[in-house]
Structures are given as C-alpha cells and as structure tokens.
Amino acid sequence: MYVQMKHSIIINLFTLLYFKSIYLYVNEVLSLGSAALLTAVGRAAD
C-alpha cells in the first residue's frame, strides 16, 4: 500500500512537470508568435 502510494505520487509529479513544460512551451510559442505578428503588422503599417 505504501509503495503504491509513493509510486502514484511520483507519477503525479511527472505528470505535473510534463503539463507545466507543455504550458510553458505553448506560452513561449504564443508570445513569440504574437510578437512576430505585431512586427509584421507594424511593418505593413509603415
């Protein structure tokens, strides 16, 4: 029982880390994308 609990805690930690890295990656891509979009729009406006 104890070992199983420990195991699920480790799995939960890995799942959290996994989702956090995905979230950070998506966040990064979105901010880069919007920045690129803004510069493109700015250049088009010029």
C-alpha atoms as a PDB file:
ATOM      1  CA  MET A   1       0.000   0.000   0.000  1.00  0.00           C
ATOM      2  CA  TYR A   2       2.746   2.427   0.978  1.00  0.00           C
ATOM      3  CA  VAL A   3       4.818   1.594  -2.091  1.00  0.00           C
ATOM      4  CA  GLN A   4       1.792   2.049  -4.330  1.00  0.00           C
ATOM      5  CA  MET A   5       1.094   5.454  -2.780  1.00  0.00           C
ATOM      6  CA  LYS A   6       4.702   6.504  -3.274  1.00  0.00           C
ATOM      7  CA  HIS A   7       4.516   5.321  -6.873  1.00  0.00           C
ATOM      8  CA  SER A   8       1.385   7.342  -7.632  1.00  0.00           C
ATOM      9  CA  ILE A   9       2.933  10.441  -6.023  1.00  0.00           C
ATOM     10  CA  ILE A  10       5.928  10.091  -8.356  1.00  0.00           C
ATOM     11  CA  ILE A  11       3.609   9.636 -11.340  1.00  0.00           C
ATOM     12  CA  ASN A  12       1.640  12.725 -10.298  1.00  0.00           C
ATOM     13  CA  LEU A  13       4.848  14.748 -10.038  1.00  0.00           C
ATOM     14  CA  PHE A  14       5.938  13.664 -13.504  1.00  0.00           C
ATOM     15  CA  THR A  15       2.503  14.446 -14.911  1.00  0.00           C
ATOM     16  CA  LEU A  16       2.609  17.909 -13.341  1.00  0.00           C
ATOM     17  CA  LEU A  17       6.090  18.561 -14.711  1.00  0.00           C
ATOM     18  CA  TYR A  18       5.010  17.328 -18.135  1.00  0.00           C
ATOM     19  CA  PHE A  19       1.968  19.584 -18.268  1.00  0.00           C
ATOM     20  CA  LYS A  20       3.952  22.502 -16.891  1.00  0.00           C
ATOM     21  CA  SER A  21       6.584  22.144 -19.608  1.00  0.00           C
ATOM     22  CA  ILE A  22       3.883  21.926 -22.286  1.00  0.00           C
ATOM     23  CA  TYR A  23       2.201  25.016 -20.844  1.00  0.00           C
ATOM     24  CA  LEU A  24       5.483  26.938 -20.762  1.00  0.00           C
ATOM     25  CA  TYR A  25       6.313  25.843 -24.313  1.00  0.00           C
ATOM     26  CA  VAL A  26       2.899  26.897 -25.637  1.00  0.00           C
ATOM     27  CA  ASN A  27       3.164  30.177 -23.744  1.00  0.00           C
ATOM     28  CA  GLU A  28       6.588  30.837 -25.286  1.00  0.00           C
ATOM     29  CA  VAL A  29       5.400  29.990 -28.797  1.00  0.00           C
ATOM     30  CA  LEU A  30       2.310  32.165 -28.424  1.00  0.00           C
ATOM     31  CA  SER A  31       4.254  35.163 -27.128  1.00  0.00           C
ATOM     32  CA  LEU A  32       6.844  34.762 -29.891  1.00  0.00           C
ATOM     33  CA  GLY A  33       4.084  34.383 -32.463  1.00  0.00           C
ATOM     34  CA  SER A  34       2.199  37.459 -31.291  1.00  0.00           C
ATOM     35  CA  ALA A  35       5.443  39.475 -31.208  1.00  0.00           C
ATOM     36  CA  ALA A  36       6.229  38.407 -34.780  1.00  0.00           C
ATOM     37  CA  LEU A  37       2.678  39.233 -35.792  1.00  0.00           C
ATOM     38  CA  LEU A  38       2.941  42.692 -34.217  1.00  0.00           C
ATOM     39  CA  THR A  39       6.200  43.444 -36.022  1.00  0.00           C
ATOM     40  CA  ALA A  40       4.695  42.231 -39.302  1.00  0.00           C
ATOM     41  CA  VAL A  41       1.640  44.444 -38.785  1.00  0.00           C
ATOM     42  CA  GLY A  42       3.894  47.348 -37.791  1.00  0.00           C
ATOM     43  CA  ARG A  43       5.959  46.931 -40.955  1.00  0.00           C
ATOM     44  CA  ALA A  44       2.810  46.677 -43.058  1.00  0.00           C
ATOM     45  CA  ALA A  45       1.511  49.888 -41.464  1.00  0.00           C
ATOM     46  CA  ASP A  46       4.753  51.647 -42.410  1.00  0.00           C
END
